[in-house]
Amino acid sequence: MTRSLSKGPYVDERVIKKIAGKKPQETGVIKTWIRACQISPEMVGFKFGVHNGKDFVEVLVSEDMVGHRLGEFSPTRKFVKHGGKMQKDLEQKKKEGEVAAAQSAKAAVADKK
C-alpha cells in the first residue's frame, strides 16, 4: 500500500542532512540504516551504504531509482543454490566443456600463425 499523497514521500531528515550542500563526486559512501527512506531527486549521484542486517551494500543512486526505497536495492536474504550431488556433477561437466572449448580455440589460433 502506498503512502498518502497528502503526506508526501517519506524521506528521512538525517539522510537529507548528510547530503545537504555536498557534491556527489567529493563525498564517499554515506552509511545508513534507514531502509524505508524514499529516494528523492536530491540524492541522485550519491553513493549510499545501505545496511542489510549484516553489512553495508553500496548503492549508487541513479535517476531511475527516484521514488523507490533504499532497502529495495540492498537484499537481506542470500540465495543458497539448490541441488546436491547431481547439480555439482552437471556444473563440473559444463566447466570441463568450457575448458576444452577454450583449449581448442587456443590451438586453432596457434595453427593459423
PDB file of N, CA and C in Angstrom:
ATOM      1  N   MET A   1       0.841  -1.172   0.000  1.00  0.00           N
ATOM      2  CA  MET A   1       0.000   0.000   0.000  1.00  0.00           C
ATOM      3  C   MET A   1       0.890   1.241   0.000  1.00  0.00           C
ATOM      4  N   THR A   2       0.527   2.200  -0.823  1.00  0.00           N
ATOM      5  CA  THR A   2       1.359   3.387  -0.942  1.00  0.00           C
ATOM      6  C   THR A   2       1.025   4.407   0.136  1.00  0.00           C
ATOM      7  N   ARG A   3       1.915   5.331   0.318  1.00  0.00           N
ATOM      8  CA  ARG A   3       1.726   6.391   1.296  1.00  0.00           C
ATOM      9  C   ARG A   3       0.761   7.425   0.728  1.00  0.00           C
ATOM     10  N   SER A   4      -0.002   8.050   1.590  1.00  0.00           N
ATOM     11  CA  SER A   4      -0.979   9.055   1.185  1.00  0.00           C
ATOM     12  C   SER A   4      -0.293  10.226   0.487  1.00  0.00           C
ATOM     13  N   LEU A   5      -0.883  10.693  -0.599  1.00  0.00           N
ATOM     14  CA  LEU A   5      -0.288  11.799  -1.349  1.00  0.00           C
ATOM     15  C   LEU A   5      -0.273  13.088  -0.532  1.00  0.00           C
ATOM     16  N   SER A   6      -1.240  13.251   0.368  1.00  0.00           N
ATOM     17  CA  SER A   6      -1.270  14.468   1.165  1.00  0.00           C
ATOM     18  C   SER A   6      -0.099  14.525   2.154  1.00  0.00           C
ATOM     19  N   LYS A   7       0.403  13.379   2.567  1.00  0.00           N
ATOM     20  CA  LYS A   7       1.552  13.345   3.477  1.00  0.00           C
ATOM     21  C   LYS A   7       2.869  13.568   2.745  1.00  0.00           C
ATOM     22  N   GLY A   8       2.929  13.163   1.500  1.00  0.00           N
ATOM     23  CA  GLY A   8       4.165  13.292   0.735  1.00  0.00           C
ATOM     24  C   GLY A   8       5.072  12.095   0.955  1.00  0.00           C
ATOM     25  N   PRO A   9       6.199  12.024   0.243  1.00  0.00           N
ATOM     26  CA  PRO A   9       7.106  10.875   0.384  1.00  0.00           C
ATOM     27  C   PRO A   9       7.840  10.904   1.717  1.00  0.00           C
ATOM     28  N   TYR A  10       8.198   9.715   2.211  1.00  0.00           N
ATOM     29  CA  TYR A  10       8.957   9.613   3.458  1.00  0.00           C
ATOM     30  C   TYR A  10      10.435   9.673   3.124  1.00  0.00           C
ATOM     31  N   VAL A  11      11.017  10.819   3.365  1.00  0.00           N
ATOM     32  CA  VAL A  11      12.464  10.996   3.199  1.00  0.00           C
ATOM     33  C   VAL A  11      12.992  11.415   4.561  1.00  0.00           C
ATOM     34  N   ASP A  12      13.830  10.581   5.147  1.00  0.00           N
ATOM     35  CA  ASP A  12      14.316  10.843   6.499  1.00  0.00           C
ATOM     36  C   ASP A  12      15.192  12.090   6.535  1.00  0.00           C
ATOM     37  N   GLU A  13      14.987  12.905   7.563  1.00  0.00           N
ATOM     38  CA  GLU A  13      15.727  14.166   7.700  1.00  0.00           C
ATOM     39  C   GLU A  13      17.215  13.937   7.885  1.00  0.00           C
ATOM     40  N   ARG A  14      17.584  12.847   8.572  1.00  0.00           N
ATOM     41  CA  ARG A  14      19.002  12.577   8.827  1.00  0.00           C
ATOM     42  C   ARG A  14      19.760  12.303   7.533  1.00  0.00           C
ATOM     43  N   VAL A  15      19.097  11.618   6.583  1.00  0.00           N
ATOM     44  CA  VAL A  15      19.746  11.329   5.307  1.00  0.00           C
ATOM     45  C   VAL A  15      19.906  12.619   4.512  1.00  0.00           C
ATOM     46  N   ILE A  16      18.878  13.457   4.519  1.00  0.00           N
ATOM     47  CA  ILE A  16      18.947  14.735   3.810  1.00  0.00           C
ATOM     48  C   ILE A  16      20.042  15.616   4.410  1.00  0.00           C
ATOM     49  N   LYS A  17      20.187  15.578   5.738  1.00  0.00           N
ATOM     50  CA  LYS A  17      21.215  16.367   6.415  1.00  0.00           C
ATOM     51  C   LYS A  17      22.621  15.931   5.989  1.00  0.00           C
ATOM     52  N   LYS A  18      22.798  14.618   5.781  1.00  0.00           N
ATOM     53  CA  LYS A  18      24.114  14.097   5.406  1.00  0.00           C
ATOM     54  C   LYS A  18      24.532  14.530   4.005  1.00  0.00           C
ATOM     55  N   ILE A  19      23.565  14.769   3.101  1.00  0.00           N
ATOM     56  CA  ILE A  19      23.919  15.137   1.730  1.00  0.00           C
ATOM     57  C   ILE A  19      23.754  16.630   1.457  1.00  0.00           C
ATOM     58  N   ALA A  20      23.220  17.371   2.419  1.00  0.00           N
ATOM     59  CA  ALA A  20      22.958  18.797   2.205  1.00  0.00           C
ATOM     60  C   ALA A  20      24.252  19.564   1.938  1.00  0.00           C
ATOM     61  N   GLY A  21      24.275  20.288   0.823  1.00  0.00           N
ATOM     62  CA  GLY A  21      25.415  21.141   0.490  1.00  0.00           C
ATOM     63  C   GLY A  21      26.654  20.401   0.036  1.00  0.00           C
ATOM     64  N   LYS A  22      26.572  19.127  -0.231  1.00  0.00           N
ATOM     65  CA  LYS A  22      27.729  18.350  -0.665  1.00  0.00           C
ATOM     66  C   LYS A  22      27.580  17.955  -2.123  1.00  0.00           C
ATOM     67  N   LYS A  23      28.718  17.686  -2.763  1.00  0.00           N
ATOM     68  CA  LYS A  23      28.711  17.235  -4.144  1.00  0.00           C
ATOM     69  C   LYS A  23      28.897  15.722  -4.166  1.00  0.00           C
ATOM     70  N   PRO A  24      28.193  15.031  -5.078  1.00  0.00           N
ATOM     71  CA  PRO A  24      28.295  13.568  -5.131  1.00  0.00           C
ATOM     72  C   PRO A  24      29.697  13.041  -5.391  1.00  0.00           C
ATOM     73  N   GLN A  25      30.491  13.770  -6.177  1.00  0.00           N
ATOM     74  CA  GLN A  25      31.828  13.285  -6.516  1.00  0.00           C
ATOM     75  C   GLN A  25      32.779  13.379  -5.329  1.00  0.00           C
ATOM     76  N   GLU A  26      32.577  14.370  -4.465  1.00  0.00           N
ATOM     77  CA  GLU A  26      33.503  14.600  -3.363  1.00  0.00           C
ATOM     78  C   GLU A  26      33.235  13.713  -2.153  1.00  0.00           C
ATOM     79  N   THR A  27      31.977  13.339  -1.948  1.00  0.00           N
ATOM     80  CA  THR A  27      31.645  12.531  -0.772  1.00  0.00           C
ATOM     81  C   THR A  27      31.847  11.058  -1.076  1.00  0.00           C
ATOM     82  N   GLY A  28      32.199  10.333  -0.058  1.00  0.00           N
ATOM     83  CA  GLY A  28      32.379   8.893  -0.213  1.00  0.00           C
ATOM     84  C   GLY A  28      31.047   8.183  -0.034  1.00  0.00           C
ATOM     85  N   VAL A  29      31.107   7.027   0.561  1.00  0.00           N
ATOM     86  CA  VAL A  29      29.905   6.245   0.819  1.00  0.00           C
ATOM     87  C   VAL A  29      29.232   6.787   2.078  1.00  0.00           C
ATOM     88  N   ILE A  30      27.929   7.057   1.978  1.00  0.00           N
ATOM     89  CA  ILE A  30      27.160   7.553   3.115  1.00  0.00           C
ATOM     90  C   ILE A  30      26.441   6.359   3.737  1.00  0.00           C
ATOM     91  N   LYS A  31      26.861   5.967   4.939  1.00  0.00           N
ATOM     92  CA  LYS A  31      26.269   4.809   5.598  1.00  0.00           C
ATOM     93  C   LYS A  31      24.917   5.163   6.203  1.00  0.00           C
ATOM     94  N   THR A  32      23.947   4.249   6.041  1.00  0.00           N
ATOM     95  CA  THR A  32      22.632   4.468   6.628  1.00  0.00           C
ATOM     96  C   THR A  32      21.975   3.137   6.967  1.00  0.00           C
ATOM     97  N   TRP A  33      21.193   3.174   8.029  1.00  0.00           N
ATOM     98  CA  TRP A  33      20.398   2.018   8.440  1.00  0.00           C
ATOM     99  C   TRP A  33      18.933   2.231   8.057  1.00  0.00           C
ATOM    100  N   ILE A  34      18.628   3.373   7.461  1.00  0.00           N
ATOM    101  CA  ILE A  34      17.246   3.746   7.180  1.00  0.00           C
ATOM    102  C   ILE A  34      16.847   3.196   5.813  1.00  0.00           C
ATOM    103  N   ARG A  35      16.359   1.957   5.798  1.00  0.00           N
ATOM    104  CA  ARG A  35      15.974   1.288   4.566  1.00  0.00           C
ATOM    105  C   ARG A  35      14.636   1.783   4.025  1.00  0.00           C
ATOM    106  N   ALA A  36      13.800   2.354   4.894  1.00  0.00           N
ATOM    107  CA  ALA A  36      12.456   2.776   4.494  1.00  0.00           C
ATOM    108  C   ALA A  36      12.444   4.147   3.826  1.00  0.00           C
ATOM    109  N   CYS A  37      13.568   4.827   3.802  1.00  0.00           N
ATOM    110  CA  CYS A  37      13.657   6.177   3.231  1.00  0.00           C
ATOM    111  C   CYS A  37      13.493   6.116   1.713  1.00  0.00           C
ATOM    112  N   GLN A  38      12.596   6.960   1.186  1.00  0.00           N
ATOM    113  CA  GLN A  38      12.417   7.014  -0.259  1.00  0.00           C
ATOM    114  C   GLN A  38      13.533   7.836  -0.891  1.00  0.00           C
ATOM    115  N   ILE A  39      13.876   7.478  -2.122  1.00  0.00           N
ATOM    116  CA  ILE A  39      14.934   8.186  -2.835  1.00  0.00           C
ATOM    117  C   ILE A  39      14.326   9.419  -3.494  1.00  0.00           C
ATOM    118  N   SER A  40      14.916  10.564  -3.189  1.00  0.00           N
ATOM    119  CA  SER A  40      14.440  11.825  -3.754  1.00  0.00           C
ATOM    120  C   SER A  40      15.411  12.288  -4.843  1.00  0.00           C
ATOM    121  N   PRO A  41      14.999  13.234  -5.682  1.00  0.00           N
ATOM    122  CA  PRO A  41      15.886  13.714  -6.752  1.00  0.00           C
ATOM    123  C   PRO A  41      17.196  14.328  -6.251  1.00  0.00           C
ATOM    124  N   GLU A  42      17.217  14.826  -5.010  1.00  0.00           N
ATOM    125  CA  GLU A  42      18.454  15.401  -4.476  1.00  0.00           C
ATOM    126  C   GLU A  42      19.522  14.347  -4.226  1.00  0.00           C
ATOM    127  N   MET A  43      19.129  13.085  -4.110  1.00  0.00           N
ATOM    128  CA  MET A  43      20.062  12.002  -3.783  1.00  0.00           C
ATOM    129  C   MET A  43      20.760  11.426  -5.011  1.00  0.00           C
ATOM    130  N   VAL A  44      20.349  11.817  -6.206  1.00  0.00           N
ATOM    131  CA  VAL A  44      20.910  11.242  -7.429  1.00  0.00           C
ATOM    132  C   VAL A  44      22.398  11.545  -7.514  1.00  0.00           C
ATOM    133  N   GLY A  45      23.180  10.488  -7.770  1.00  0.00           N
ATOM    134  CA  GLY A  45      24.628  10.620  -7.896  1.00  0.00           C
ATOM    135  C   GLY A  45      25.391  10.246  -6.648  1.00  0.00           C
ATOM    136  N   PHE A  46      24.729  10.230  -5.494  1.00  0.00           N
ATOM    137  CA  PHE A  46      25.398   9.881  -4.244  1.00  0.00           C
ATOM    138  C   PHE A  46      25.484   8.359  -4.106  1.00  0.00           C
ATOM    139  N   LYS A  47      26.480   7.920  -3.354  1.00  0.00           N
ATOM    140  CA  LYS A  47      26.677   6.503  -3.089  1.00  0.00           C
ATOM    141  C   LYS A  47      26.309   6.249  -1.633  1.00  0.00           C
ATOM    142  N   PHE A  48      25.312   5.381  -1.407  1.00  0.00           N
ATOM    143  CA  PHE A  48      24.850   5.068  -0.062  1.00  0.00           C
ATOM    144  C   PHE A  48      25.273   3.656   0.304  1.00  0.00           C
ATOM    145  N   GLY A  49      25.641   3.474   1.565  1.00  0.00           N
ATOM    146  CA  GLY A  49      25.891   2.149   2.115  1.00  0.00           C
ATOM    147  C   GLY A  49      24.666   1.772   2.918  1.00  0.00           C
ATOM    148  N   VAL A  50      23.801   0.933   2.341  1.00  0.00           N
ATOM    149  CA  VAL A  50      22.532   0.574   2.977  1.00  0.00           C
ATOM    150  C   VAL A  50      22.727  -0.726   3.743  1.00  0.00           C
ATOM    151  N   HIS A  51      22.379  -0.710   5.017  1.00  0.00           N
ATOM    152  CA  HIS A  51      22.591  -1.875   5.885  1.00  0.00           C
ATOM    153  C   HIS A  51      21.570  -2.958   5.564  1.00  0.00           C
ATOM    154  N   ASN A  52      22.040  -4.196   5.436  1.00  0.00           N
ATOM    155  CA  ASN A  52      21.124  -5.299   5.132  1.00  0.00           C
ATOM    156  C   ASN A  52      20.974  -6.263   6.305  1.00  0.00           C
ATOM    157  N   GLY A  53      21.423  -5.859   7.477  1.00  0.00           N
ATOM    158  CA  GLY A  53      21.326  -6.710   8.654  1.00  0.00           C
ATOM    159  C   GLY A  53      22.669  -7.280   9.055  1.00  0.00           C
ATOM    160  N   LYS A  54      23.587  -7.366   8.100  1.00  0.00           N
ATOM    161  CA  LYS A  54      24.920  -7.902   8.385  1.00  0.00           C
ATOM    162  C   LYS A  54      26.010  -6.908   8.014  1.00  0.00           C
ATOM    163  N   ASP A  55      25.940  -6.379   6.809  1.00  0.00           N
ATOM    164  CA  ASP A  55      26.933  -5.415   6.366  1.00  0.00           C
ATOM    165  C   ASP A  55      26.263  -4.352   5.498  1.00  0.00           C
ATOM    166  N   PHE A  56      27.064  -3.432   4.977  1.00  0.00           N
ATOM    167  CA  PHE A  56      26.529  -2.339   4.174  1.00  0.00           C
ATOM    168  C   PHE A  56      26.728  -2.649   2.692  1.00  0.00           C
ATOM    169  N   VAL A  57      25.638  -2.558   1.930  1.00  0.00           N
ATOM    170  CA  VAL A  57      25.679  -2.784   0.495  1.00  0.00           C
ATOM    171  C   VAL A  57      25.735  -1.423  -0.188  1.00  0.00           C
ATOM    172  N   GLU A  58      26.732  -1.230  -1.053  1.00  0.00           N
ATOM    173  CA  GLU A  58      26.867   0.055  -1.741  1.00  0.00           C
ATOM    174  C   GLU A  58      25.808   0.188  -2.826  1.00  0.00           C
ATOM    175  N   VAL A  59      25.120   1.329  -2.818  1.00  0.00           N
ATOM    176  CA  VAL A  59      24.070   1.619  -3.791  1.00  0.00           C
ATOM    177  C   VAL A  59      24.368   2.977  -4.401  1.00  0.00           C
ATOM    178  N   LEU A  60      24.631   3.018  -5.706  1.00  0.00           N
ATOM    179  CA  LEU A  60      24.824   4.267  -6.419  1.00  0.00           C
ATOM    180  C   LEU A  60      23.463   4.695  -6.952  1.00  0.00           C
ATOM    181  N   VAL A  61      22.966   5.816  -6.483  1.00  0.00           N
ATOM    182  CA  VAL A  61      21.613   6.259  -6.821  1.00  0.00           C
ATOM    183  C   VAL A  61      21.606   6.893  -8.208  1.00  0.00           C
ATOM    184  N   SER A  62      20.691   6.413  -9.071  1.00  0.00           N
ATOM    185  CA  SER A  62      20.520   6.981 -10.407  1.00  0.00           C
ATOM    186  C   SER A  62      19.109   7.558 -10.528  1.00  0.00           C
ATOM    187  N   GLU A  63      18.826   8.186 -11.644  1.00  0.00           N
ATOM    188  CA  GLU A  63      17.530   8.826 -11.841  1.00  0.00           C
ATOM    189  C   GLU A  63      16.392   7.816 -11.873  1.00  0.00           C
ATOM    190  N   ASP A  64      16.664   6.597 -12.329  1.00  0.00           N
ATOM    191  CA  ASP A  64      15.624   5.565 -12.402  1.00  0.00           C
ATOM    192  C   ASP A  64      15.149   5.131 -11.024  1.00  0.00           C
ATOM    193  N   MET A  65      15.951   5.353 -10.004  1.00  0.00           N
ATOM    194  CA  MET A  65      15.626   4.882  -8.649  1.00  0.00           C
ATOM    195  C   MET A  65      14.738   5.850  -7.872  1.00  0.00           C
ATOM    196  N   VAL A  66      14.527   7.051  -8.377  1.00  0.00           N
ATOM    197  CA  VAL A  66      13.740   8.055  -7.653  1.00  0.00           C
ATOM    198  C   VAL A  66      12.329   7.518  -7.422  1.00  0.00           C
ATOM    199  N   GLY A  67      11.874   7.620  -6.171  1.00  0.00           N
ATOM    200  CA  GLY A  67      10.553   7.119  -5.804  1.00  0.00           C
ATOM    201  C   GLY A  67      10.590   5.757  -5.142  1.00  0.00           C
ATOM    202  N   HIS A  68      11.680   5.021  -5.341  1.00  0.00           N
ATOM    203  CA  HIS A  68      11.834   3.721  -4.696  1.00  0.00           C
ATOM    204  C   HIS A  68      12.446   3.931  -3.314  1.00  0.00           C
ATOM    205  N   ARG A  69      12.521   2.859  -2.553  1.00  0.00           N
ATOM    206  CA  ARG A  69      13.104   2.937  -1.211  1.00  0.00           C
ATOM    207  C   ARG A  69      14.534   2.398  -1.243  1.00  0.00           C
ATOM    208  N   LEU A  70      15.355   2.881  -0.321  1.00  0.00           N
ATOM    209  CA  LEU A  70      16.754   2.454  -0.276  1.00  0.00           C
ATOM    210  C   LEU A  70      16.877   0.955  -0.036  1.00  0.00           C
ATOM    211  N   GLY A  71      16.005   0.401   0.779  1.00  0.00           N
ATOM    212  CA  GLY A  71      16.074  -1.014   1.112  1.00  0.00           C
ATOM    213  C   GLY A  71      15.820  -1.950  -0.048  1.00  0.00           C
ATOM    214  N   GLU A  72      15.187  -1.458  -1.113  1.00  0.00           N
ATOM    215  CA  GLU A  72      14.906  -2.304  -2.273  1.00  0.00           C
ATOM    216  C   GLU A  72      16.180  -2.718  -2.996  1.00  0.00           C
ATOM    217  N   PHE A  73      17.244  -1.958  -2.834  1.00  0.00           N
ATOM    218  CA  PHE A  73      18.487  -2.215  -3.550  1.00  0.00           C
ATOM    219  C   PHE A  73      19.541  -2.872  -2.665  1.00  0.00           C
ATOM    220  N   SER A  74      19.135  -3.311  -1.477  1.00  0.00           N
ATOM    221  CA  SER A  74      20.035  -3.984  -0.548  1.00  0.00           C
ATOM    222  C   SER A  74      19.331  -5.244  -0.035  1.00  0.00           C
ATOM    223  N   PRO A  75      19.459  -6.368  -0.757  1.00  0.00           N
ATOM    224  CA  PRO A  75      18.738  -7.579  -0.350  1.00  0.00           C
ATOM    225  C   PRO A  75      19.196  -8.099   1.011  1.00  0.00           C
ATOM    226  N   THR A  76      18.241  -8.577   1.800  1.00  0.00           N
ATOM    227  CA  THR A  76      18.550  -9.058   3.147  1.00  0.00           C
ATOM    228  C   THR A  76      18.735 -10.560   3.185  1.00  0.00           C
ATOM    229  N   ARG A  77      18.320 -11.246   2.144  1.00  0.00           N
ATOM    230  CA  ARG A  77      18.438 -12.709   2.119  1.00  0.00           C
ATOM    231  C   ARG A  77      19.395 -13.134   1.024  1.00  0.00           C
ATOM    232  N   LYS A  78      20.201 -14.139   1.331  1.00  0.00           N
ATOM    233  CA  LYS A  78      21.184 -14.649   0.387  1.00  0.00           C
ATOM    234  C   LYS A  78      20.652 -15.956  -0.194  1.00  0.00           C
ATOM    235  N   PHE A  79      20.651 -16.071  -1.511  1.00  0.00           N
ATOM    236  CA  PHE A  79      20.158 -17.283  -2.157  1.00  0.00           C
ATOM    237  C   PHE A  79      21.204 -18.379  -2.044  1.00  0.00           C
ATOM    238  N   VAL A  80      20.777 -19.526  -1.536  1.00  0.00           N
ATOM    239  CA  VAL A  80      21.638 -20.693  -1.442  1.00  0.00           C
ATOM    240  C   VAL A  80      21.231 -21.624  -2.567  1.00  0.00           C
ATOM    241  N   LYS A  81      22.197 -22.064  -3.343  1.00  0.00           N
ATOM    242  CA  LYS A  81      21.934 -22.869  -4.519  1.00  0.00           C
ATOM    243  C   LYS A  81      21.207 -24.165  -4.173  1.00  0.00           C
ATOM    244  N   HIS A  82      20.237 -24.527  -4.995  1.00  0.00           N
ATOM    245  CA  HIS A  82      19.523 -25.785  -4.822  1.00  0.00           C
ATOM    246  C   HIS A  82      20.283 -26.906  -5.518  1.00  0.00           C
ATOM    247  N   GLY A  83      19.947 -28.105  -5.156  1.00  0.00           N
ATOM    248  CA  GLY A  83      20.565 -29.252  -5.800  1.00  0.00           C
ATOM    249  C   GLY A  83      21.708 -29.789  -4.964  1.00  0.00           C
ATOM    250  N   GLY A  84      21.959 -31.052  -5.096  1.00  0.00           N
ATOM    251  CA  GLY A  84      23.024 -31.670  -4.322  1.00  0.00           C
ATOM    252  C   GLY A  84      24.108 -32.178  -5.228  1.00  0.00           C
ATOM    253  N   LYS A  85      24.340 -33.486  -5.160  1.00  0.00           N
ATOM    254  CA  LYS A  85      25.420 -34.108  -5.913  1.00  0.00           C
ATOM    255  C   LYS A  85      25.174 -34.032  -7.416  1.00  0.00           C
ATOM    256  N   MET A  86      23.916 -34.215  -7.825  1.00  0.00           N
ATOM    257  CA  MET A  86      23.595 -34.192  -9.249  1.00  0.00           C
ATOM    258  C   MET A  86      23.897 -32.812  -9.848  1.00  0.00           C
ATOM    259  N   GLN A  87      23.542 -31.775  -9.145  1.00  0.00           N
ATOM    260  CA  GLN A  87      23.792 -30.417  -9.622  1.00  0.00           C
ATOM    261  C   GLN A  87      25.291 -30.156  -9.718  1.00  0.00           C
ATOM    262  N   LYS A  88      26.052 -30.657  -8.735  1.00  0.00           N
ATOM    263  CA  LYS A  88      27.500 -30.470  -8.732  1.00  0.00           C
ATOM    264  C   LYS A  88      28.129 -31.168  -9.941  1.00  0.00           C
ATOM    265  N   ASP A  89      27.641 -32.377 -10.272  1.00  0.00           N
ATOM    266  CA  ASP A  89      28.163 -33.107 -11.422  1.00  0.00           C
ATOM    267  C   ASP A  89      27.888 -32.360 -12.731  1.00  0.00           C
ATOM    268  N   LEU A  90      26.662 -31.821 -12.855  1.00  0.00           N
ATOM    269  CA  LEU A  90      26.316 -31.063 -14.063  1.00  0.00           C
ATOM    270  C   LEU A  90      27.208 -29.836 -14.219  1.00  0.00           C
ATOM    271  N   GLU A  91      27.462 -29.129 -13.131  1.00  0.00           N
ATOM    272  CA  GLU A  91      28.322 -27.948 -13.187  1.00  0.00           C
ATOM    273  C   GLU A  91      29.751 -28.318 -13.551  1.00  0.00           C
ATOM    274  N   GLN A  92      30.216 -29.452 -13.035  1.00  0.00           N
ATOM    275  CA  GLN A  92      31.582 -29.883 -13.324  1.00  0.00           C
ATOM    276  C   GLN A  92      31.725 -30.234 -14.808  1.00  0.00           C
ATOM    277  N   LYS A  93      30.725 -30.919 -15.381  1.00  0.00           N
ATOM    278  CA  LYS A  93      30.767 -31.264 -16.805  1.00  0.00           C
ATOM    279  C   LYS A  93      30.744 -30.005 -17.666  1.00  0.00           C
ATOM    280  N   LYS A  94      29.942 -29.041 -17.258  1.00  0.00           N
ATOM    281  CA  LYS A  94      29.854 -27.786 -18.001  1.00  0.00           C
ATOM    282  C   LYS A  94      31.198 -27.068 -17.972  1.00  0.00           C
ATOM    283  N   LYS A  95      31.841 -27.051 -16.818  1.00  0.00           N
ATOM    284  CA  LYS A  95      33.134 -26.380 -16.679  1.00  0.00           C
ATOM    285  C   LYS A  95      34.195 -27.073 -17.530  1.00  0.00           C
ATOM    286  N   GLU A  96      34.171 -28.406 -17.533  1.00  0.00           N
ATOM    287  CA  GLU A  96      35.127 -29.164 -18.348  1.00  0.00           C
ATOM    288  C   GLU A  96      34.919 -28.870 -19.828  1.00  0.00           C
ATOM    289  N   GLY A  97      33.662 -28.751 -20.253  1.00  0.00           N
ATOM    290  CA  GLY A  97      33.362 -28.420 -21.644  1.00  0.00           C
ATOM    291  C   GLY A  97      33.886 -27.050 -22.020  1.00  0.00           C
ATOM    292  N   GLU A  98      33.746 -26.087 -21.116  1.00  0.00           N
ATOM    293  CA  GLU A  98      34.252 -24.735 -21.375  1.00  0.00           C
ATOM    294  C   GLU A  98      35.769 -24.736 -21.488  1.00  0.00           C
ATOM    295  N   VAL A  99      36.444 -25.492 -20.623  1.00  0.00           N
ATOM    296  CA  VAL A  99      37.902 -25.572 -20.654  1.00  0.00           C
ATOM    297  C   VAL A  99      38.359 -26.208 -21.963  1.00  0.00           C
ATOM    298  N   ALA A 100      37.678 -27.273 -22.393  1.00  0.00           N
ATOM    299  CA  ALA A 100      38.042 -27.943 -23.644  1.00  0.00           C
ATOM    300  C   ALA A 100      37.832 -27.008 -24.837  1.00  0.00           C
ATOM    301  N   ALA A 101      36.748 -26.252 -24.827  1.00  0.00           N
ATOM    302  CA  ALA A 101      36.481 -25.312 -25.912  1.00  0.00           C
ATOM    303  C   ALA A 101      37.551 -24.219 -25.957  1.00  0.00           C
ATOM    304  N   ALA A 102      37.959 -23.742 -24.795  1.00  0.00           N
ATOM    305  CA  ALA A 102      38.993 -22.708 -24.743  1.00  0.00           C
ATOM    306  C   ALA A 102      40.326 -23.239 -25.266  1.00  0.00           C
ATOM    307  N   GLN A 103      40.651 -24.483 -24.921  1.00  0.00           N
ATOM    308  CA  GLN A 103      41.907 -25.059 -25.381  1.00  0.00           C
ATOM    309  C   GLN A 103      41.896 -25.279 -26.891  1.00  0.00           C
ATOM    310  N   SER A 104      40.760 -25.710 -27.419  1.00  0.00           N
ATOM    311  CA  SER A 104      40.682 -25.929 -28.874  1.00  0.00           C
ATOM    312  C   SER A 104      40.754 -24.600 -29.619  1.00  0.00           C
ATOM    313  N   ALA A 105      40.158 -23.557 -29.065  1.00  0.00           N
ATOM    314  CA  ALA A 105      40.243 -22.239 -29.690  1.00  0.00           C
ATOM    315  C   ALA A 105      41.664 -21.715 -29.657  1.00  0.00           C
ATOM    316  N   LYS A 106      42.355 -21.966 -28.552  1.00  0.00           N
ATOM    317  CA  LYS A 106      43.756 -21.531 -28.424  1.00  0.00           C
ATOM    318  C   LYS A 106      44.627 -22.280 -29.443  1.00  0.00           C
ATOM    319  N   ALA A 107      44.354 -23.579 -29.637  1.00  0.00           N
ATOM    320  CA  ALA A 107      45.112 -24.382 -30.581  1.00  0.00           C
ATOM    321  C   ALA A 107      44.842 -23.914 -32.018  1.00  0.00           C
ATOM    322  N   ALA A 108      43.610 -23.536 -32.305  1.00  0.00           N
ATOM    323  CA  ALA A 108      43.274 -23.066 -33.645  1.00  0.00           C
ATOM    324  C   ALA A 108      43.978 -21.748 -33.944  1.00  0.00           C
ATOM    325  N   VAL A 109      44.086 -20.880 -32.979  1.00  0.00           N
ATOM    326  CA  VAL A 109      44.784 -19.606 -33.156  1.00  0.00           C
ATOM    327  C   VAL A 109      46.278 -19.853 -33.382  1.00  0.00           C
ATOM    328  N   ALA A 110      46.840 -20.821 -32.642  1.00  0.00           N
ATOM    329  CA  ALA A 110      48.266 -21.133 -32.786  1.00  0.00           C
ATOM    330  C   ALA A 110      48.549 -21.743 -34.150  1.00  0.00           C
ATOM    331  N   ASP A 111      47.604 -22.534 -34.704  1.00  0.00           N
ATOM    332  CA  ASP A 111      47.790 -23.148 -36.032  1.00  0.00           C
ATOM    333  C   ASP A 111      47.781 -22.104 -37.141  1.00  0.00           C
ATOM    334  N   LYS A 112      47.003 -21.051 -36.973  1.00  0.00           N
ATOM    335  CA  LYS A 112      46.916 -20.007 -38.009  1.00  0.00           C
ATOM    336  C   LYS A 112      48.208 -19.210 -38.123  1.00  0.00           C
ATOM    337  N   LYS A 113      48.943 -19.132 -37.041  1.00  0.00           N
ATOM    338  CA  LYS A 113      50.203 -18.359 -37.049  1.00  0.00           C
ATOM    339  C   LYS A 113      51.250 -19.166 -37.688  1.00  0.00           C
TER     340      LYS A 113
END
